[in-house]
Amino acid sequence: MTETQPRRPPVPSPAERAKTIAARGAPAALMPSTEHPASAAQRVTPALHHVHAGADVSILLPDDDPLAAAGRARRGEVAVMLELADHAPVELREPVRGLLWITGWLRALDERAARARAVSIADVRPDPRLLDVGHGFSLLRLSPAALVLADPEGTHSLRPHMFAAASPDPFCAYETDWLRHLERTHADVIDGLARHVPPDLRGGRIRPLGLDRFGLRLRVECAGGDHDVRLAFSRSVDSPPQLAMELRRLVGCPFTQVTGRE
């Protein structure tokens, strides 16, 4: 008799998950790309960073930053790595949900190109720090060579064209507010979701961890460690009404469909 393995819940593709982390504007650290781990002194927090749809990155650094100076040097092209840390929307003991590393070449833009790029960024992400371009700050471009995603689903290498072809999750823009609201004001819903948690974990503290079009993720904080549980939706969803219906199904609400008058 053949033993069948339990089916894993569906998840967004690695490229989609990477695009979602980038779209959230996750905290970033820039460092030289070397074979050895960068020291704390080599890790630079950009004044601003923006990952474009095609995977290249705009990075704003003070003019006197060593990486900015190297990028402005003659034939300036510096091998660097940008690390993006995806943090959970609620305060957890272990808040980092995933990491995205973008490795490539950093080079400075001339004044005209820098201002044009700052304007293009402001069109989609207005930020007063963009006004500092040319006034003590340099805007540099990171041209990607490769991307690596590490999250609970595993570690995945991506090429820039794979990232460029992906779209962020449809709930990316308001996942943070939605999950915070769920935890702060709907303890009854969390209790309803707890019925899907393995029995040996139900004594732990159950927290909302993540939301995507395929399901909801919970973090169970136990005395012996943390455990993540994915609750799959019955189908892929892309709108608040569909999300509300799937949530009612997960908590066991019998009114999961809206019927018209007869």
Protein backbone atom coordinates (compact mmCIF):
# COMPACT_ATOMS: atom_id res chain seq x y z
CA MET A 1 0.00 0.00 0.00
CA THR A 2 1.40 3.39 -1.00
CA GLU A 3 1.52 5.96 1.76
CA THR A 4 0.51 9.44 0.59
CA GLN A 5 2.25 12.48 2.01
CA PRO A 6 0.11 15.31 3.38
CA ARG A 7 -0.33 18.09 0.84
CA ARG A 8 1.44 21.32 1.72
CA PRO A 9 -0.74 24.44 1.70
CA PRO A 10 -0.20 26.58 -1.41
CA VAL A 11 2.00 29.66 -1.03
CA PRO A 12 2.97 32.53 -3.33
CA SER A 13 5.99 31.86 -5.55
CA PRO A 14 9.46 32.85 -4.31
CA ALA A 15 9.56 35.73 -6.80
CA GLU A 16 6.17 36.99 -5.59
CA ARG A 17 7.26 36.76 -1.96
CA ALA A 18 10.47 38.65 -2.78
CA LYS A 19 8.52 41.34 -4.65
CA THR A 20 6.19 41.70 -1.66
CA ILE A 21 9.06 42.23 0.79
CA ALA A 22 10.53 44.87 -1.51
CA ALA A 23 7.19 46.61 -2.00
CA ARG A 24 6.66 46.92 1.75
CA GLY A 25 9.74 49.13 2.04
CA ALA A 26 11.40 46.77 4.51
CA PRO A 27 14.29 48.07 6.66
CA ALA A 28 17.54 47.87 4.71
CA ALA A 29 21.28 47.54 5.30
CA LEU A 30 23.89 48.11 2.61
CA MET A 31 27.29 46.45 2.81
CA PRO A 32 30.25 45.53 0.60
CA SER A 33 29.75 42.23 -1.20
CA THR A 34 32.58 39.98 -0.03
CA GLU A 35 33.13 36.33 0.76
CA HIS A 36 33.19 37.13 4.47
CA PRO A 37 30.29 38.45 6.59
CA ALA A 38 30.25 42.23 6.83
CA SER A 39 31.17 43.70 10.19
CA ALA A 40 28.76 45.99 12.01
CA ALA A 41 30.90 48.98 10.98
CA GLN A 42 30.52 48.04 7.30
CA ARG A 43 26.73 47.83 7.42
CA VAL A 44 25.22 51.14 6.33
CA THR A 45 21.60 52.13 6.75
CA PRO A 46 20.63 54.16 3.67
CA ALA A 47 18.84 57.45 4.22
CA LEU A 48 16.33 56.07 1.72
CA HIS A 49 16.10 53.06 -0.56
CA HIS A 50 13.60 52.16 -3.27
CA VAL A 51 13.43 48.85 -5.12
CA HIS A 52 12.12 49.43 -8.63
CA ALA A 53 9.87 46.99 -10.45
CA GLY A 54 12.77 45.63 -12.49
CA ALA A 55 14.88 44.88 -9.37
CA ASP A 56 17.34 47.76 -9.64
CA VAL A 57 17.53 49.83 -6.46
CA SER A 58 17.89 53.56 -5.83
CA ILE A 59 19.90 54.29 -2.69
CA LEU A 60 20.33 57.66 -0.99
CA LEU A 61 23.55 58.07 0.99
CA PRO A 62 25.38 61.03 2.58
CA ASP A 63 28.05 62.41 0.28
CA ASP A 64 30.78 61.53 2.78
CA ASP A 65 29.75 57.89 3.09
CA PRO A 66 32.61 55.61 1.88
CA LEU A 67 30.31 53.63 -0.42
CA ALA A 68 28.93 56.83 -1.93
CA ALA A 69 32.46 58.12 -2.47
CA ALA A 70 33.51 54.85 -4.08
CA GLY A 71 30.48 54.93 -6.33
CA ARG A 72 31.42 58.44 -7.50
CA ALA A 73 35.05 57.52 -8.15
CA ARG A 74 36.40 57.20 -11.65
CA ARG A 75 35.02 54.02 -13.17
CA GLY A 76 33.12 53.87 -9.92
CA GLU A 77 31.41 50.52 -9.66
CA VAL A 78 31.33 48.85 -6.25
CA ALA A 79 30.18 45.30 -5.55
CA VAL A 80 27.59 45.54 -2.77
CA MET A 81 24.74 43.66 -1.18
CA LEU A 82 21.50 45.19 0.05
CA GLU A 83 19.71 43.27 2.81
CA LEU A 84 15.96 43.80 3.30
CA ALA A 85 14.44 42.46 6.53
CA ASP A 86 10.73 41.63 6.49
CA HIS A 87 9.35 42.35 9.96
CA ALA A 88 6.07 41.07 11.37
CA PRO A 89 3.32 43.70 11.78
CA VAL A 90 2.89 42.89 15.49
CA GLU A 91 5.52 42.77 18.23
CA LEU A 92 6.93 39.25 18.46
CA ARG A 93 9.83 37.64 20.28
CA GLU A 94 11.32 36.83 16.86
CA PRO A 95 10.05 39.62 14.60
CA VAL A 96 11.91 38.91 11.32
CA ARG A 97 9.74 36.88 8.94
CA GLY A 98 12.17 36.77 6.04
CA LEU A 99 15.26 38.27 4.42
CA LEU A 100 15.87 39.38 0.85
CA TRP A 101 19.42 39.98 -0.37
CA ILE A 102 20.07 41.89 -3.59
CA THR A 103 23.66 41.63 -4.83
CA GLY A 104 25.01 43.78 -7.62
CA TRP A 105 26.99 46.84 -8.64
CA LEU A 106 26.62 50.25 -7.06
CA ARG A 107 27.38 53.36 -9.08
CA ALA A 108 26.64 57.05 -8.66
CA LEU A 109 24.30 58.93 -10.98
CA ASP A 110 25.22 62.27 -12.46
CA GLU A 111 23.29 65.27 -11.23
CA ARG A 112 20.76 65.28 -14.05
CA ALA A 113 20.06 61.55 -13.89
CA ALA A 114 19.84 61.64 -10.09
CA ARG A 115 17.22 64.39 -10.10
CA ALA A 116 15.19 62.65 -12.81
CA ARG A 117 15.24 59.42 -10.84
CA ALA A 118 14.26 61.23 -7.62
CA VAL A 119 11.24 62.68 -9.43
CA SER A 120 10.23 59.24 -10.74
CA ILE A 121 10.45 57.79 -7.21
CA ALA A 122 8.41 60.68 -5.78
CA ASP A 123 5.63 59.90 -8.26
CA VAL A 124 5.04 56.53 -6.57
CA ARG A 125 6.51 57.16 -3.13
CA PRO A 126 6.60 60.82 -2.07
CA ASP A 127 9.31 61.37 0.54
CA PRO A 128 10.85 64.68 1.68
CA ARG A 129 14.29 63.05 1.87
CA LEU A 130 14.35 63.02 -1.94
CA LEU A 131 14.75 66.80 -1.76
CA ASP A 132 18.22 66.24 -0.27
CA VAL A 133 19.58 64.85 -3.55
CA GLY A 134 22.43 67.16 -4.52
CA HIS A 135 22.39 68.86 -1.13
CA GLY A 136 24.74 66.74 0.94
CA PHE A 137 23.32 63.43 -0.30
CA SER A 138 24.01 61.32 -3.37
CA LEU A 139 21.53 59.09 -5.18
CA LEU A 140 23.14 55.88 -6.38
CA ARG A 141 21.88 52.99 -8.47
CA LEU A 142 22.35 49.35 -7.53
CA SER A 143 22.20 47.23 -10.70
CA PRO A 144 21.24 43.72 -9.56
CA ALA A 145 23.11 40.57 -10.52
CA ALA A 146 21.24 38.12 -8.28
CA LEU A 147 18.67 37.96 -5.48
CA VAL A 148 18.32 35.47 -2.64
CA LEU A 149 15.18 35.04 -0.55
CA ALA A 150 15.23 33.28 2.84
CA ASP A 151 11.93 32.76 4.65
CA PRO A 152 10.02 29.92 6.36
CA GLU A 153 9.41 28.27 2.97
CA GLY A 154 13.15 27.89 2.35
CA THR A 155 16.02 29.65 0.60
CA HIS A 156 15.62 30.53 -3.07
CA SER A 157 17.94 32.11 -5.64
CA LEU A 158 16.29 34.47 -8.12
CA ARG A 159 17.43 36.16 -11.30
CA PRO A 160 16.45 39.80 -11.81
CA HIS A 161 14.09 38.93 -14.69
CA MET A 162 12.16 36.55 -12.39
CA PHE A 163 11.73 39.33 -9.83
CA ALA A 164 10.72 41.81 -12.54
CA ALA A 165 8.01 39.50 -13.88
CA ALA A 166 6.38 38.99 -10.46
CA SER A 167 3.74 41.12 -8.75
CA PRO A 168 3.50 41.85 -5.04
CA ASP A 169 0.75 40.16 -3.06
CA PRO A 170 -2.63 41.89 -3.48
CA PHE A 171 -2.87 42.44 0.30
CA CYS A 172 0.66 43.83 0.61
CA ALA A 173 -0.41 47.46 1.11
CA TYR A 174 -2.69 46.91 4.10
CA GLU A 175 -1.50 43.63 5.62
CA THR A 176 0.15 45.52 8.51
CA ASP A 177 -2.93 47.54 9.52
CA TRP A 178 -5.25 44.56 9.04
CA LEU A 179 -3.24 42.18 11.22
CA ARG A 180 -2.73 44.80 13.94
CA HIS A 181 -6.45 45.49 13.97
CA LEU A 182 -7.16 41.75 14.14
CA GLU A 183 -4.97 41.32 17.21
CA ARG A 184 -6.04 44.46 19.04
CA THR A 185 -9.80 44.30 18.60
CA HIS A 186 -10.81 40.78 17.56
CA ALA A 187 -9.59 38.36 20.21
CA ASP A 188 -12.70 36.29 19.46
CA VAL A 189 -11.50 35.75 15.90
CA ILE A 190 -8.05 34.67 17.11
CA ASP A 191 -9.79 32.21 19.45
CA GLY A 192 -11.80 30.88 16.50
CA LEU A 193 -8.67 30.42 14.41
CA ALA A 194 -7.02 28.53 17.28
CA ARG A 195 -9.08 25.46 16.44
CA HIS A 196 -6.80 24.91 13.42
CA VAL A 197 -3.63 24.94 15.53
CA PRO A 198 -2.19 21.49 16.42
CA PRO A 199 -3.51 20.44 19.86
CA ASP A 200 -0.04 20.33 21.44
CA LEU A 201 0.47 24.04 20.61
CA ARG A 202 -2.83 25.44 21.82
CA GLY A 203 -1.42 26.32 25.21
CA GLY A 204 0.87 28.89 23.64
CA ARG A 205 0.13 32.50 22.77
CA ILE A 206 -1.36 32.68 19.29
CA ARG A 207 -0.46 35.78 17.24
CA PRO A 208 -1.27 36.91 13.69
CA LEU A 209 1.94 36.66 11.65
CA GLY A 210 1.17 37.14 7.98
CA LEU A 211 -1.45 37.40 5.27
CA ASP A 212 -1.27 36.61 1.55
CA ARG A 213 -3.68 35.62 -1.18
CA PHE A 214 -3.40 31.93 -0.30
CA GLY A 215 -3.86 32.05 3.46
CA LEU A 216 -3.21 33.37 6.92
CA ARG A 217 -0.14 32.63 9.02
CA LEU A 218 -0.13 32.41 12.81
CA ARG A 219 2.81 32.45 15.21
CA VAL A 220 2.42 30.35 18.35
CA GLU A 221 4.78 31.52 21.09
CA CYS A 222 5.33 28.65 23.52
CA ALA A 223 7.62 28.27 26.51
CA GLY A 224 9.81 25.89 24.52
CA GLY A 225 10.01 28.00 21.35
CA ASP A 226 8.03 29.55 18.53
CA HIS A 227 6.02 27.69 15.90
CA ASP A 228 4.40 28.97 12.69
CA VAL A 229 1.12 27.58 11.37
CA ARG A 230 -0.32 28.34 7.92
CA LEU A 231 -4.11 28.31 7.51
CA ALA A 232 -4.98 27.85 3.85
CA PHE A 233 -7.89 29.59 2.17
CA SER A 234 -10.20 27.47 0.03
CA ARG A 235 -9.05 29.46 -3.01
CA SER A 236 -6.77 32.30 -3.97
CA VAL A 237 -8.33 35.64 -3.02
CA ASP A 238 -7.56 39.18 -4.11
CA SER A 239 -10.18 41.47 -2.57
CA PRO A 240 -11.43 42.42 0.94
CA PRO A 241 -14.87 40.79 0.42
CA GLN A 242 -13.23 37.51 -0.60
CA LEU A 243 -10.86 37.77 2.36
CA ALA A 244 -13.77 38.36 4.76
CA MET A 245 -15.56 35.27 3.45
CA GLU A 246 -12.47 33.09 3.86
CA LEU A 247 -11.90 34.41 7.38
CA ARG A 248 -15.49 33.57 8.36
CA ARG A 249 -14.97 30.07 6.99
CA LEU A 250 -11.79 29.60 9.03
CA VAL A 251 -13.40 30.71 12.30
CA GLY A 252 -16.37 28.43 11.67
CA CYS A 253 -19.02 31.06 10.95
CA PRO A 254 -22.00 29.37 9.23
CA PHE A 255 -22.87 32.53 7.25
CA THR A 256 -20.14 32.36 4.62
CA GLN A 257 -22.33 33.24 1.64
CA VAL A 258 -24.50 36.20 0.85
CA THR A 259 -27.78 35.31 -0.81
CA GLY A 260 -30.15 37.60 -2.62
CA ARG A 261 -33.86 37.96 -2.09
CA GLU A 262 -36.07 35.31 -3.47
